[in-house]
Amino acid sequence: MVKNKSEEKSNEMKEQKQSNREKKEESNIKWFIEVFTITFILSMIFSYISANGVSNLSLIPAILILILVIAIGIIFDIIAVAVTVANEHEFHAKATKKIKGSKDSIKLIRNAPKVANICADVIGDICGVLSGAISALISMKITEKFGLSFNIQFLLSATVAALTVGGKALGKNIANVNSTKIVHAVGIILNKFNKAN
């Protein structure tokens, strides 16, 4: 009798583990489809805007847009690192004092893998694609404007890559040191955005 009960319990536990595993796999597939769709749509939209918008701009505004795109990629990479490093317990005390953005900060930390994936991979990769497309357009503009006999795209692409990688390396250090402040700042923005809706 005791053996049967223990066997039943063991079978129930196995079934529960199997069910949890299946739910996790289903959730991962759903997340992959969502990320794929979002990235695909956003990449198409922004690539189209950059190709048509930047090509109509003069050289200086085009360079400023390129710098802005690089900066956005670095900022979102900083947020991704900060969310994975930040300590949730620090925000519980703030939440009890009803400090704005603390509850949203807790949500960010609890969903750290997804938040990091969106910030570093989705937005980061889109910014990478955009900066590549914009730098190609800028190099064509420079070549035409100054009548250069050689293509400077390799030089410009290398500069963009160095700025992006260097900026992200510096950003990771900033994110590690100031993770609580960064996550709280994002939490405050999300709080204001949620209230506006």
Protein backbone atom coordinates (compact mmCIF):
# COMPACT_ATOMS: atom_id res chain seq x y z
CA MET A 1 0.00 0.00 0.00
CA VAL A 2 2.79 2.36 0.99
CA LYS A 3 4.75 1.31 -2.08
CA ASN A 4 1.79 2.04 -4.35
CA LYS A 5 1.38 5.50 -2.84
CA SER A 6 5.06 6.33 -3.28
CA GLU A 7 4.91 5.05 -6.87
CA GLU A 8 1.85 7.19 -7.54
CA LYS A 9 3.62 10.22 -6.08
CA SER A 10 6.71 9.49 -8.17
CA ASN A 11 4.58 9.15 -11.32
CA GLU A 12 2.76 12.41 -10.51
CA MET A 13 6.09 14.20 -10.07
CA LYS A 14 7.37 12.81 -13.39
CA GLU A 15 4.18 13.89 -15.15
CA GLN A 16 4.45 17.37 -13.57
CA LYS A 17 8.09 17.71 -14.68
CA GLN A 18 7.17 16.56 -18.21
CA SER A 19 4.28 19.03 -18.31
CA ASN A 20 6.54 21.88 -17.11
CA ARG A 21 9.16 20.95 -19.72
CA GLU A 22 6.55 20.96 -22.49
CA LYS A 23 5.19 24.34 -21.33
CA LYS A 24 8.72 25.78 -21.28
CA GLU A 25 9.45 24.47 -24.80
CA GLU A 26 6.11 25.88 -26.04
CA SER A 27 6.93 29.23 -24.42
CA ASN A 28 10.41 29.26 -26.03
CA ILE A 29 8.96 28.53 -29.49
CA LYS A 30 6.33 31.26 -29.03
CA TRP A 31 9.04 33.71 -27.91
CA PHE A 32 11.21 32.81 -30.94
CA ILE A 33 8.28 33.47 -33.32
CA GLU A 34 7.50 36.80 -31.62
CA VAL A 35 11.14 37.98 -31.72
CA PHE A 36 11.57 36.82 -35.33
CA THR A 37 8.41 38.66 -36.44
CA ILE A 38 9.22 41.88 -34.54
CA THR A 39 12.82 41.94 -35.80
CA PHE A 40 11.82 41.21 -39.40
CA ILE A 41 9.12 43.93 -39.49
CA LEU A 42 11.23 46.58 -37.70
CA SER A 43 14.30 45.84 -39.85
CA MET A 44 12.25 46.25 -43.03
CA ILE A 45 10.63 49.50 -41.82
CA PHE A 46 13.86 51.10 -40.60
CA SER A 47 15.90 49.92 -43.59
CA TYR A 48 13.33 51.42 -45.92
CA ILE A 49 13.27 54.70 -43.95
CA SER A 50 17.07 54.90 -43.83
CA ALA A 51 17.52 54.08 -47.51
CA ASN A 52 14.91 56.59 -48.67
CA GLY A 53 15.17 59.19 -45.90
CA VAL A 54 18.95 59.48 -45.54
CA SER A 55 19.55 59.44 -49.32
CA ASN A 56 17.54 62.69 -49.57
CA LEU A 57 19.47 64.41 -46.78
CA SER A 58 22.63 66.43 -47.07
CA LEU A 59 25.91 65.13 -45.65
CA ILE A 60 25.89 66.62 -42.11
CA PRO A 61 22.29 65.57 -41.18
CA ALA A 62 23.06 62.07 -42.54
CA ILE A 63 26.19 61.85 -40.33
CA LEU A 64 24.18 63.07 -37.31
CA ILE A 65 21.56 60.35 -37.92
CA LEU A 66 24.35 57.75 -38.17
CA ILE A 67 25.77 58.91 -34.80
CA LEU A 68 22.26 58.76 -33.29
CA VAL A 69 21.72 55.18 -34.54
CA ILE A 70 25.09 54.08 -33.10
CA ALA A 71 24.23 55.79 -29.77
CA ILE A 72 20.81 54.06 -29.62
CA GLY A 73 22.49 50.67 -30.13
CA ILE A 74 24.97 51.39 -27.31
CA ILE A 75 22.27 52.71 -24.92
CA PHE A 76 20.07 49.63 -25.38
CA ASP A 77 23.10 47.37 -24.90
CA ILE A 78 23.77 49.18 -21.58
CA ILE A 79 20.12 48.58 -20.54
CA ALA A 80 20.43 44.87 -21.48
CA VAL A 81 23.53 44.41 -19.28
CA ALA A 82 22.10 46.48 -16.40
CA VAL A 83 18.89 44.42 -16.30
CA THR A 84 20.83 41.12 -16.09
CA VAL A 85 23.21 42.44 -13.40
CA ALA A 86 20.77 44.45 -11.19
CA ASN A 87 19.62 43.08 -7.84
CA GLU A 88 15.85 42.73 -7.47
CA HIS A 89 15.97 43.04 -3.65
CA GLU A 90 17.13 46.65 -3.86
CA PHE A 91 13.85 47.56 -5.56
CA HIS A 92 11.61 45.82 -3.03
CA ALA A 93 12.53 48.43 -0.42
CA LYS A 94 11.81 51.18 -2.96
CA ALA A 95 8.48 49.55 -3.87
CA THR A 96 7.38 49.51 -0.21
CA LYS A 97 8.16 53.26 -0.04
CA LYS A 98 6.09 53.64 -3.25
CA ILE A 99 8.97 55.19 -5.19
CA LYS A 100 8.00 55.68 -8.85
CA GLY A 101 9.30 53.10 -11.28
CA SER A 102 10.34 50.55 -8.65
CA LYS A 103 7.58 48.03 -9.53
CA ASP A 104 8.37 48.37 -13.24
CA SER A 105 12.07 47.87 -12.41
CA ILE A 106 11.22 44.61 -10.60
CA LYS A 107 9.28 43.42 -13.68
CA LEU A 108 12.29 44.23 -15.87
CA ILE A 109 14.66 42.23 -13.66
CA ARG A 110 12.26 39.27 -13.42
CA ASN A 111 12.06 39.21 -17.23
CA ALA A 112 15.80 39.90 -17.66
CA PRO A 113 16.47 37.28 -20.39
CA LYS A 114 13.64 38.58 -22.60
CA VAL A 115 14.46 42.25 -21.91
CA ALA A 116 18.16 41.64 -22.67
CA ASN A 117 17.22 39.77 -25.85
CA ILE A 118 15.04 42.64 -27.09
CA CYS A 119 17.51 45.38 -26.11
CA ALA A 120 20.82 43.78 -27.11
CA ASP A 121 19.77 41.50 -29.96
CA VAL A 122 16.63 42.91 -31.58
CA ILE A 123 17.32 46.65 -31.22
CA GLY A 124 21.10 46.20 -31.25
CA ASP A 125 21.07 44.20 -34.49
CA ILE A 126 18.60 46.57 -36.15
CA CYS A 127 20.90 49.49 -35.25
CA GLY A 128 23.82 47.51 -36.69
CA VAL A 129 21.99 46.95 -39.99
CA LEU A 130 20.90 50.60 -40.10
CA SER A 131 24.34 51.98 -39.34
CA GLY A 132 25.79 49.79 -42.12
CA ALA A 133 23.20 51.00 -44.65
CA ILE A 134 23.56 54.66 -43.60
CA SER A 135 27.38 54.53 -43.67
CA ALA A 136 27.21 53.13 -47.24
CA LEU A 137 24.97 56.04 -48.30
CA ILE A 138 27.24 58.57 -46.56
CA SER A 139 30.34 57.16 -48.26
CA MET A 140 28.61 57.57 -51.65
CA LYS A 141 27.70 61.16 -50.77
CA ILE A 142 31.29 61.97 -49.72
CA THR A 143 32.72 60.33 -52.86
CA GLU A 144 30.34 62.34 -55.07
CA LYS A 145 30.73 65.64 -53.19
CA PHE A 146 34.51 65.67 -53.10
CA GLY A 147 35.02 63.83 -56.41
CA LEU A 148 37.12 61.08 -54.85
CA SER A 149 38.56 58.47 -57.18
CA PHE A 150 38.37 55.72 -54.51
CA ASN A 151 35.52 54.35 -52.39
CA ILE A 152 35.82 55.27 -48.71
CA GLN A 153 33.10 52.83 -47.59
CA PHE A 154 35.67 50.40 -46.09
CA LEU A 155 37.12 53.20 -43.97
CA LEU A 156 33.69 54.46 -42.87
CA SER A 157 32.42 50.92 -42.11
CA ALA A 158 35.52 50.23 -40.00
CA THR A 159 34.99 53.53 -38.11
CA VAL A 160 31.32 52.68 -37.45
CA ALA A 161 32.25 49.16 -36.26
CA ALA A 162 35.00 50.52 -33.97
CA LEU A 163 32.67 53.15 -32.47
CA THR A 164 29.92 50.56 -31.91
CA VAL A 165 32.14 47.88 -30.36
CA GLY A 166 34.16 50.42 -28.34
CA GLY A 167 30.99 52.16 -27.14
CA LYS A 168 29.41 48.86 -26.09
CA ALA A 169 32.59 47.80 -24.25
CA LEU A 170 32.59 51.10 -22.34
CA GLY A 171 28.82 50.80 -21.82
CA LYS A 172 29.13 47.34 -20.25
CA ASN A 173 31.42 48.76 -17.57
CA ILE A 174 28.98 51.63 -16.91
CA ALA A 175 26.08 49.13 -16.73
CA ASN A 176 27.91 46.91 -14.21
CA VAL A 177 28.73 49.82 -11.92
CA ASN A 178 25.39 51.68 -12.20
CA SER A 179 22.93 48.82 -12.85
CA THR A 180 20.44 49.91 -10.14
CA LYS A 181 20.31 53.53 -11.36
CA ILE A 182 19.96 52.50 -15.00
CA VAL A 183 17.18 49.94 -14.35
CA HIS A 184 15.36 52.43 -12.11
CA ALA A 185 15.58 55.13 -14.79
CA VAL A 186 14.08 52.72 -17.35
CA GLY A 187 11.44 51.72 -14.77
CA ILE A 188 10.45 55.39 -14.31
CA ILE A 189 10.13 55.84 -18.11
CA LEU A 190 7.98 52.68 -18.35
CA ASN A 191 5.87 53.88 -15.41
CA LYS A 192 5.19 57.21 -17.13
CA PHE A 193 4.46 55.44 -20.42
CA ASN A 194 2.01 53.03 -18.70
CA LYS A 195 0.22 55.94 -17.01
CA ALA A 196 -0.02 57.82 -20.31
CA ASN A 197 -1.81 54.80 -21.80
